[in-house]
């Protein structure tokens, strides 16, 4: 699938939109619910109506997709701008079918004198009165337009924006929020990410959004009590501060992220350490530069904050799955180091290189010699034997002998402090999670 996307990007870079559309058509024919292909097709086609159909198809598959929502907003802004330009073209140039039809200039050789027309007092008063009425009507119409468009607020009338202030939640997608603030700022929260705009609203149902780069978008809205129709989406008003709901933040993983070992060429740049892999266990545990229990934000988005050594900064990561197959995922990963600005890695390609080979018996899974991957300074290897003895080879190549005992899914190791660990196993990789949470988890690989 990645080869198709690479071919599409090359075709688009070379200006060959027809080739890009042809390739994407093949992908969609085999995978009609491929969100990434529909989004790329929206960029490849030139007709606004076809682009709108692509974005609407994405929203039918995933009503929370922020890329499709923003695409529809851009299309609405472009349409509004085009209509405004067309309305401003008020000067009409007369067309003549032939030179004979064109008006000919005639030189006036005889100066003519016009006699001044005398108006009586009554007629002058009527003309002045009519002019005043026309000017007053024009001024009133302009005032009404300014008020209805939201460009003029009267102190004795409620502001249109006041009725929008608050938190609005997308139907059937509680993690998607619109947050309108009293100071004129609006936040769109979707998929664990936020986009901020300034906004102005009119009673006629027009909403103008301006992003932080100064780009403006026009959107239609319809307000009916606690129900807000925003474009083709429906939101309901929420009470209190916007907080993740139980449906938006719960333990778990997206269905696409199946247990096993996942690799990506971008993992090293994301973690800052070479050889980084993502280990996904069947008990909903993860290891990515440290052990973590994921929070599922929606069906395609989860967040982890791996537990690391005290000397290291906590780094939280948000994964947004854009497309997936049985053993491959394309995801946007937002990295938020503690005390620093977040960084987005878009279109990260992840491949599952190892499956879950655990026996569901911790004793059997632990037996054998293991290489210690993390923490890297802890030791070199650890060997568990059937008689309950073990050997730990330190970084100085010195051997330490000890014993271990397994109970349920826990293992007690005599030479380690703390000595009790939860066992998370994939068969070829094991994580020992300290039960008291005060020590870094140990990653073992055969």
Protein backbone atom coordinates (compact mmCIF):
# COMPACT_ATOMS: atom_id res chain seq x y z
CA UNK A 1 0.00 0.00 0.00
CA UNK A 2 2.89 2.36 0.77
CA UNK A 3 4.14 1.90 -2.81
CA UNK A 4 0.81 3.21 -4.11
CA UNK A 5 1.06 6.32 -1.92
CA UNK A 6 4.66 6.89 -3.07
CA UNK A 7 3.56 6.67 -6.72
CA UNK A 8 0.73 9.13 -6.06
CA UNK A 9 3.10 11.62 -4.40
CA UNK A 10 5.52 11.39 -7.36
CA UNK A 11 2.68 11.90 -9.85
CA UNK A 12 1.39 14.94 -7.95
CA UNK A 13 4.91 16.39 -7.68
CA UNK A 14 5.29 16.02 -11.45
CA UNK A 15 1.94 17.65 -12.14
CA UNK A 16 0.36 14.43 -13.44
CA UNK A 17 -2.98 14.58 -11.62
CA UNK A 18 -4.61 12.04 -13.96
CA UNK A 19 -2.05 9.38 -13.06
CA UNK A 20 -2.50 10.13 -9.33
CA UNK A 21 -6.30 9.87 -9.67
CA UNK A 22 -5.97 6.58 -11.58
CA UNK A 23 -3.77 5.01 -8.87
CA UNK A 24 -6.02 6.20 -6.05
CA UNK A 25 -9.05 4.86 -7.91
CA UNK A 26 -7.42 1.41 -7.91
CA UNK A 27 -6.77 1.64 -4.15
CA UNK A 28 -10.33 2.77 -3.36
CA UNK A 29 -11.82 0.08 -5.60
CA UNK A 30 -10.17 -2.54 -3.40
CA UNK A 31 -10.54 -0.63 -0.12
CA UNK A 32 -13.62 1.63 -0.29
CA UNK A 33 -13.17 2.65 3.37
CA UNK A 34 -9.51 3.70 3.03
CA UNK A 35 -9.55 7.17 4.62
CA UNK A 36 -6.00 8.06 3.54
CA UNK A 37 -6.80 7.30 -0.11
CA UNK A 38 -9.95 9.44 -0.04
CA UNK A 39 -8.04 12.37 1.50
CA UNK A 40 -5.30 12.10 -1.13
CA UNK A 41 -7.95 11.91 -3.87
CA UNK A 42 -9.46 15.15 -2.54
CA UNK A 43 -6.09 16.85 -3.12
CA UNK A 44 -5.66 15.29 -6.56
CA UNK A 45 -8.99 16.31 -8.13
CA UNK A 46 -9.47 19.95 -9.15
CA UNK A 47 -13.25 20.33 -9.16
CA UNK A 48 -14.56 21.70 -5.82
CA UNK A 49 -17.64 19.48 -5.99
CA UNK A 50 -15.53 16.32 -6.35
CA UNK A 51 -13.32 17.44 -3.47
CA UNK A 52 -16.41 17.99 -1.34
CA UNK A 53 -17.64 14.46 -2.18
CA UNK A 54 -14.28 13.01 -1.08
CA UNK A 55 -14.33 14.85 2.27
CA UNK A 56 -17.96 13.87 2.87
CA UNK A 57 -17.10 10.23 2.14
CA UNK A 58 -14.32 10.42 4.78
CA UNK A 59 -16.76 11.86 7.35
CA UNK A 60 -19.21 9.05 6.64
CA UNK A 61 -16.44 6.59 7.49
CA UNK A 62 -15.06 8.62 10.42
CA UNK A 63 -17.25 11.55 11.56
CA UNK A 64 -14.40 12.79 13.79
CA UNK A 65 -11.80 13.17 11.03
CA UNK A 66 -10.32 16.66 11.51
CA UNK A 67 -8.62 16.74 8.07
CA UNK A 68 -11.97 16.26 6.29
CA UNK A 69 -13.67 18.83 8.54
CA UNK A 70 -11.01 21.46 7.77
CA UNK A 71 -11.17 20.58 4.06
CA UNK A 72 -14.90 21.30 3.98
CA UNK A 73 -14.31 24.59 5.82
CA UNK A 74 -11.72 25.62 3.21
CA UNK A 75 -14.08 24.75 0.34
CA UNK A 76 -16.85 26.79 1.94
CA UNK A 77 -14.46 29.73 2.33
CA UNK A 78 -13.37 29.54 -1.30
CA UNK A 79 -16.99 29.40 -2.50
CA UNK A 80 -17.93 32.40 -0.35
CA UNK A 81 -14.95 34.38 -1.66
CA UNK A 82 -15.85 33.61 -5.29
CA UNK A 83 -19.47 34.65 -4.77
CA UNK A 84 -18.37 37.91 -3.14
CA UNK A 85 -16.09 38.75 -6.08
CA UNK A 86 -18.89 38.03 -8.54
CA UNK A 87 -21.28 40.30 -6.65
CA UNK A 88 -18.77 43.17 -6.71
CA UNK A 89 -18.58 43.15 -10.52
CA UNK A 90 -21.42 45.65 -10.98
CA UNK A 91 -20.09 47.59 -13.95
CA UNK A 92 -21.48 46.14 -17.16
CA UNK A 93 -19.72 46.89 -20.46
CA UNK A 94 -22.19 47.06 -23.42
CA UNK A 95 -21.44 44.72 -26.26
CA UNK A 96 -21.88 45.81 -29.90
CA UNK A 97 -22.52 43.28 -32.60
CA UNK A 98 -20.79 45.33 -35.31
CA UNK A 99 -18.94 48.64 -35.75
CA UNK A 100 -22.07 50.12 -37.33
CA UNK A 101 -23.97 49.53 -34.09
CA UNK A 102 -21.46 51.51 -32.02
CA UNK A 103 -22.43 55.11 -31.15
CA UNK A 104 -20.74 57.65 -33.37
CA UNK A 105 -19.32 60.86 -32.01
CA UNK A 106 -20.82 63.92 -33.71
CA UNK A 107 -18.96 67.14 -33.52
CA UNK A 108 -21.15 69.95 -32.34
CA UNK A 109 -20.15 72.99 -34.40
CA UNK A 110 -22.90 75.24 -33.10
CA UNK A 111 -22.69 76.14 -29.43
CA UNK A 112 -26.10 75.84 -27.93
CA UNK A 113 -27.36 77.73 -24.96
CA UNK A 114 -29.72 76.10 -22.56
CA UNK A 115 -32.22 78.14 -20.73
CA UNK A 116 -32.21 77.54 -16.97
CA UNK A 117 -35.25 75.69 -15.72
CA UNK A 118 -36.96 77.47 -12.93
CA UNK A 119 -38.48 75.34 -10.20
CA UNK A 120 -41.16 76.58 -8.00
CA UNK A 121 -40.80 76.33 -4.23
CA UNK A 122 -43.19 73.39 -3.89
CA UNK A 123 -41.33 71.28 -6.41
CA UNK A 124 -37.96 72.00 -4.79
CA UNK A 125 -39.31 70.87 -1.42
CA UNK A 126 -40.52 67.59 -2.91
CA UNK A 127 -37.12 66.89 -4.48
CA UNK A 128 -35.25 67.66 -1.24
CA UNK A 129 -37.69 65.53 0.75
CA UNK A 130 -37.27 62.60 -1.65
CA UNK A 131 -33.47 62.87 -1.48
CA UNK A 132 -33.54 62.86 2.32
CA UNK A 133 -35.78 59.79 2.34
CA UNK A 134 -33.47 57.94 -0.07
CA UNK A 135 -30.39 58.75 2.05
CA UNK A 136 -32.17 57.77 5.25
CA UNK A 137 -33.32 54.45 3.73
CA UNK A 138 -29.77 53.73 2.52
CA UNK A 139 -28.31 54.55 5.95
CA UNK A 140 -30.89 52.35 7.69
CA UNK A 141 -30.26 49.47 5.30
CA UNK A 142 -26.51 49.79 5.91
CA UNK A 143 -27.06 49.81 9.69
CA UNK A 144 -29.26 46.73 9.52
CA UNK A 145 -26.67 44.94 7.37
CA UNK A 146 -23.86 45.74 9.82
CA UNK A 147 -25.90 44.48 12.75
CA UNK A 148 -27.05 41.28 11.05
CA UNK A 149 -23.56 40.51 9.72
CA UNK A 150 -22.12 40.83 13.21
CA UNK A 151 -19.85 43.75 12.29
CA UNK A 152 -21.67 46.20 14.57
CA UNK A 153 -22.83 45.48 18.11
CA UNK A 154 -25.28 47.73 19.94
CA UNK A 155 -24.86 47.91 23.73
CA UNK A 156 -28.58 47.35 24.39
CA UNK A 157 -28.78 44.26 22.13
CA UNK A 158 -27.34 40.82 23.03
CA UNK A 159 -24.31 39.81 20.98
CA UNK A 160 -24.70 36.84 18.65
CA UNK A 161 -21.42 35.40 19.88
CA UNK A 162 -22.78 35.26 23.45
CA UNK A 163 -25.25 32.55 22.39
CA UNK A 164 -22.37 30.41 21.08
CA UNK A 165 -20.07 30.74 24.09
CA UNK A 166 -19.55 27.39 25.78
CA UNK A 167 -18.54 23.82 24.96
CA UNK A 168 -20.27 21.87 22.19
CA UNK A 169 -19.87 18.11 21.74
CA UNK A 170 -20.20 16.26 18.44
CA UNK A 171 -23.00 13.70 18.42
CA UNK A 172 -21.72 10.10 18.76
CA UNK A 173 -18.14 11.39 19.14
CA UNK A 174 -17.70 12.82 22.66
CA UNK A 175 -13.97 13.45 22.14
CA UNK A 176 -14.72 16.01 19.39
CA UNK A 177 -15.44 19.44 20.85
CA UNK A 178 -16.06 23.01 19.72
CA UNK A 179 -15.13 25.47 22.49
CA UNK A 180 -16.32 29.07 21.97
CA UNK A 181 -14.82 31.62 24.37
CA UNK A 182 -16.14 35.03 25.40
CA UNK A 183 -12.94 36.74 24.19
CA UNK A 184 -13.58 35.72 20.54
CA UNK A 185 -11.41 32.60 20.43
CA UNK A 186 -12.68 29.20 19.31
CA UNK A 187 -10.94 25.83 19.74
CA UNK A 188 -11.64 22.71 17.67
CA UNK A 189 -10.55 19.67 19.66
CA UNK A 190 -10.38 16.45 17.66
CA UNK A 191 -8.33 13.26 17.87
CA UNK A 192 -6.31 14.49 20.86
CA UNK A 193 -5.22 17.61 18.95
CA UNK A 194 -6.41 21.21 19.07
CA UNK A 195 -6.71 23.98 16.46
CA UNK A 196 -7.47 27.58 17.53
CA UNK A 197 -9.26 30.32 15.58
CA UNK A 198 -10.65 33.74 16.24
CA UNK A 199 -14.30 33.94 15.21
CA UNK A 200 -17.12 36.35 14.51
CA UNK A 201 -20.74 35.31 14.15
CA UNK A 202 -23.80 36.95 12.63
CA UNK A 203 -27.51 36.39 13.40
CA UNK A 204 -27.93 35.40 9.73
CA UNK A 205 -26.01 32.16 10.33
CA UNK A 206 -22.60 33.19 9.05
CA UNK A 207 -19.44 32.33 10.97
CA UNK A 208 -16.00 33.65 10.00
CA UNK A 209 -12.98 31.77 11.37
CA UNK A 210 -9.43 33.13 11.20
CA UNK A 211 -6.50 30.87 12.02
CA UNK A 212 -3.24 31.95 13.63
CA UNK A 213 -1.63 32.50 10.21
CA UNK A 214 -4.32 35.05 9.28
CA UNK A 215 -6.20 32.79 6.82
CA UNK A 216 -9.98 33.25 7.05
CA UNK A 217 -12.71 30.66 6.42
CA UNK A 218 -16.47 31.05 6.19
CA UNK A 219 -18.86 28.48 7.62
CA UNK A 220 -22.62 28.31 8.04
CA UNK A 221 -24.18 27.47 11.38
CA UNK A 222 -27.67 27.06 12.75
CA UNK A 223 -28.45 27.44 16.45
CA UNK A 224 -31.56 25.92 18.01
CA UNK A 225 -31.39 26.02 21.80
CA UNK A 226 -28.72 23.50 22.88
CA UNK A 227 -28.36 22.10 19.36
CA UNK A 228 -25.78 23.54 16.97
CA UNK A 229 -25.58 22.58 13.30
CA UNK A 230 -22.04 23.40 12.21
CA UNK A 231 -21.60 22.70 8.50
CA UNK A 232 -22.96 19.17 8.06
CA UNK A 233 -22.23 18.17 11.67
CA UNK A 234 -24.47 18.37 14.74
CA UNK A 235 -23.20 19.39 18.19
CA UNK A 236 -24.97 19.60 21.57
CA UNK A 237 -24.15 22.06 24.35
CA UNK A 238 -22.25 20.70 27.35
CA UNK A 239 -22.19 22.05 30.88
CA UNK A 240 -19.09 22.68 32.97
CA UNK A 241 -15.45 22.72 31.89
CA UNK A 242 -14.46 20.61 28.85
CA UNK A 243 -13.00 17.40 30.23
CA UNK A 244 -12.28 14.04 28.57
CA UNK A 245 -15.36 11.86 28.99
CA UNK A 246 -15.31 8.21 29.94
CA UNK A 247 -15.77 7.29 26.29
CA UNK A 248 -12.98 9.65 25.25
CA UNK A 249 -10.37 8.49 27.77
CA UNK A 250 -10.41 4.86 28.82
CA UNK A 251 -7.86 2.04 28.94
CA UNK A 252 -7.43 0.31 25.63
CA UNK A 253 -6.02 0.42 22.13
CA UNK A 254 -7.43 0.92 18.61
CA UNK A 255 -8.37 -2.40 16.96
CA UNK A 256 -5.70 -1.84 14.28
CA UNK A 257 -2.87 -2.02 16.84
CA UNK A 258 -2.75 -5.77 17.45
CA UNK A 259 -0.31 -7.42 19.92
CA UNK A 260 3.21 -7.87 18.62
CA UNK A 261 6.38 -5.93 17.85
CA UNK A 262 5.94 -2.81 15.67
CA UNK A 263 8.79 -1.06 13.88
CA UNK A 264 9.19 2.23 11.97
CA UNK A 265 12.12 4.10 10.46
CA UNK A 266 10.88 7.20 12.32
CA UNK A 267 10.76 5.69 15.81
CA UNK A 268 14.40 6.60 16.51
CA UNK A 269 13.74 10.28 15.72
CA UNK A 270 10.56 10.25 17.80
CA UNK A 271 12.18 8.66 20.88
CA UNK A 272 15.67 10.14 20.51
CA UNK A 273 17.19 6.68 20.99
CA UNK A 274 18.45 4.17 18.38
CA UNK A 275 16.75 0.84 17.87
CA UNK A 276 13.41 1.91 19.35
CA UNK A 277 10.46 -0.43 18.79
CA UNK A 278 6.85 -0.47 19.97
CA UNK A 279 5.94 -3.59 21.96
CA UNK A 280 2.18 -4.19 22.25
CA UNK A 281 1.00 -6.82 24.75
CA UNK A 282 -2.34 -8.64 24.87
CA UNK A 283 -3.02 -7.30 28.40
CA UNK A 284 -3.19 -3.71 26.99
CA UNK A 285 0.35 -2.86 28.11
CA UNK A 286 2.83 -1.03 25.85
CA UNK A 287 6.56 -0.50 25.88
CA UNK A 288 7.97 2.43 23.91
CA UNK A 289 11.14 3.76 25.54
CA UNK A 290 9.43 2.80 28.79
CA UNK A 291 6.35 0.92 29.95
CA UNK A 292 2.93 2.59 29.62
CA UNK A 293 -0.77 1.85 29.91
CA UNK A 294 -2.55 3.55 26.99
CA UNK A 295 -5.62 5.79 27.14
CA UNK A 296 -8.04 5.26 24.26
CA UNK A 297 -9.36 8.67 23.15
CA UNK A 298 -11.50 7.33 20.30
CA UNK A 299 -11.64 4.35 17.96
CA UNK A 300 -8.48 5.46 16.14
CA UNK A 301 -6.58 7.55 18.72
CA UNK A 302 -4.69 6.66 21.90
CA UNK A 303 -2.22 8.40 24.22
CA UNK A 304 0.69 7.02 26.26
CA UNK A 305 3.08 8.59 28.77
CA UNK A 306 5.84 5.97 29.27
CA UNK A 307 7.32 5.65 32.76
CA UNK A 308 11.05 6.48 32.61
CA UNK A 309 13.92 7.04 35.00
CA UNK A 310 13.68 10.03 37.35
CA UNK A 311 16.59 11.66 35.50
CA UNK A 312 14.65 11.67 32.20
CA UNK A 313 11.78 13.93 31.14
CA UNK A 314 8.32 12.46 30.79
CA UNK A 315 7.32 12.39 27.12
CA UNK A 316 3.68 11.79 26.21
CA UNK A 317 2.74 10.57 22.73
CA UNK A 318 -0.62 10.68 20.94
CA UNK A 319 -1.12 8.20 18.09
CA UNK A 320 -3.83 8.95 15.49
CA UNK A 321 -4.30 5.96 13.14
CA UNK A 322 -5.02 7.25 9.62
CA UNK A 323 -4.99 3.97 7.69
CA UNK A 324 -4.29 0.33 8.49
CA UNK A 325 -4.09 -3.19 7.14
CA UNK A 326 -3.40 -6.50 8.88
CA UNK A 327 0.27 -5.80 9.68
CA UNK A 328 0.76 -2.14 8.72
CA UNK A 329 -0.43 1.20 10.07
CA UNK A 330 -0.05 4.81 8.95
CA UNK A 331 -0.38 7.16 11.94
CA UNK A 332 0.18 10.78 12.92
CA UNK A 333 2.19 10.89 16.17
CA UNK A 334 2.22 14.00 18.38
CA UNK A 335 5.17 14.09 20.81
CA UNK A 336 4.80 16.30 23.91
CA UNK A 337 7.98 16.44 26.04
CA UNK A 338 7.49 17.78 29.56
CA UNK A 339 7.92 21.58 29.58
CA UNK A 340 8.45 21.83 25.80
CA UNK A 341 6.33 22.47 22.71
CA UNK A 342 4.66 19.49 21.06
CA UNK A 343 6.05 18.17 17.77
CA UNK A 344 3.99 16.36 15.11
CA UNK A 345 5.32 13.44 13.03
CA UNK A 346 2.78 13.02 10.22
CA UNK A 347 2.28 9.86 8.17
CA UNK A 348 4.48 7.55 10.28
CA UNK A 349 4.53 4.12 8.63
CA UNK A 350 4.49 1.27 11.17
CA UNK A 351 4.97 -2.42 10.32
CA UNK A 352 4.39 -5.37 12.65
CA UNK A 353 7.59 -7.44 12.49
CA UNK A 354 6.73 -9.90 15.26
CA UNK A 355 3.48 -11.46 16.46
CA UNK A 356 2.36 -12.53 19.94
CA UNK A 357 4.01 -15.89 20.64
CA UNK A 358 3.34 -16.01 24.38
CA UNK A 359 2.13 -19.25 25.96
CA UNK A 360 -0.03 -17.48 28.57
CA UNK A 361 2.16 -19.26 31.15
CA UNK A 362 4.67 -16.77 32.66
CA UNK A 363 6.92 -19.56 33.99
CA UNK A 364 7.34 -21.09 30.56
CA UNK A 365 7.80 -17.73 28.87
CA UNK A 366 10.54 -16.62 31.29
CA UNK A 367 12.74 -19.72 30.94
CA UNK A 368 15.91 -19.20 28.91
CA UNK A 369 18.58 -16.56 28.35
CA UNK A 370 17.49 -12.97 27.73
CA UNK A 371 19.29 -9.88 26.52
CA UNK A 372 18.46 -6.78 28.57
CA UNK A 373 17.46 -3.91 26.23
CA UNK A 374 16.17 -1.41 28.79
CA UNK A 375 17.29 0.16 31.03
CA UNK A 376 20.51 0.05 28.96
CA UNK A 377 22.80 0.67 31.96
CA UNK A 378 21.11 -1.98 34.16
CA UNK A 379 22.81 -5.21 33.06
CA UNK A 380 23.73 -7.22 29.97
CA UNK A 381 21.66 -10.39 30.28
CA UNK A 382 19.50 -12.54 32.56
CA UNK A 383 19.00 -16.32 32.48
CA UNK A 384 16.02 -18.09 34.10
CA UNK A 385 16.29 -21.86 34.72
CA UNK A 386 13.56 -24.52 35.33
CA UNK A 387 14.89 -25.18 38.89
CA UNK A 388 14.09 -21.57 39.95
CA UNK A 389 17.68 -20.28 39.79
CA UNK A 390 18.83 -17.35 37.70
CA UNK A 391 22.02 -15.59 36.64
CA UNK A 392 22.37 -11.85 36.07
CA UNK A 393 25.37 -10.66 34.01
CA UNK A 394 26.22 -7.04 34.88
CA UNK A 395 27.74 -4.36 32.70
CA UNK A 396 31.13 -5.32 34.16
CA UNK A 397 30.56 -8.92 32.93
CA UNK A 398 30.39 -10.12 36.55
CA UNK A 399 27.78 -12.82 37.27
CA UNK A 400 25.30 -12.63 40.15
CA UNK A 401 23.36 -15.72 41.17
CA UNK A 402 19.85 -15.68 42.60
CA UNK A 403 16.44 -17.32 42.59
CA UNK A 404 13.01 -16.46 41.24
CA UNK A 405 9.47 -17.58 42.00
CA UNK A 406 6.41 -17.14 39.77
CA UNK A 407 2.89 -16.73 41.17
CA UNK A 408 -0.01 -16.00 38.85
CA UNK A 409 1.45 -13.32 36.49
CA UNK A 410 4.02 -12.04 38.99
CA UNK A 411 7.62 -12.98 39.49
CA UNK A 412 9.69 -12.41 42.64
CA UNK A 413 13.46 -12.06 41.99
CA UNK A 414 15.75 -12.37 45.00
CA UNK A 415 18.65 -10.22 43.75
CA UNK A 416 16.58 -7.26 42.54
CA UNK A 417 15.06 -4.44 44.57
CA UNK A 418 12.13 -4.14 44.33
CA UNK A 419 11.84 -7.88 43.94
CA UNK A 420 8.24 -8.22 42.71
CA UNK A 421 7.36 -7.63 39.04
CA UNK A 422 4.33 -8.05 36.76
CA UNK A 423 5.16 -10.14 33.68
CA UNK A 424 4.06 -8.93 30.22
CA UNK A 425 5.02 -11.45 27.54
CA UNK A 426 5.09 -11.74 23.75
CA UNK A 427 7.10 -14.97 23.84
CA UNK A 428 10.17 -13.44 22.16
CA UNK A 429 10.06 -10.29 24.32
CA UNK A 430 9.16 -9.82 27.98
CA UNK A 431 8.66 -6.70 30.12
CA UNK A 432 9.03 -6.89 33.90
CA UNK A 433 6.98 -4.05 35.41
CA UNK A 434 7.88 -3.13 39.02
CA UNK A 435 4.73 -3.50 41.12
CA UNK A 436 5.42 -0.45 43.28
CA UNK A 437 5.98 1.73 40.19
CA UNK A 438 9.17 3.19 41.67
CA UNK A 439 11.62 1.46 39.34
CA UNK A 440 11.88 1.49 35.55
CA UNK A 441 10.45 -1.51 33.73
CA UNK A 442 12.93 -4.08 32.39
CA UNK A 443 12.70 -5.06 28.71
CA UNK A 444 14.08 -8.53 27.88
CA UNK A 445 14.53 -9.85 24.33
CA UNK A 446 15.67 -13.30 23.27
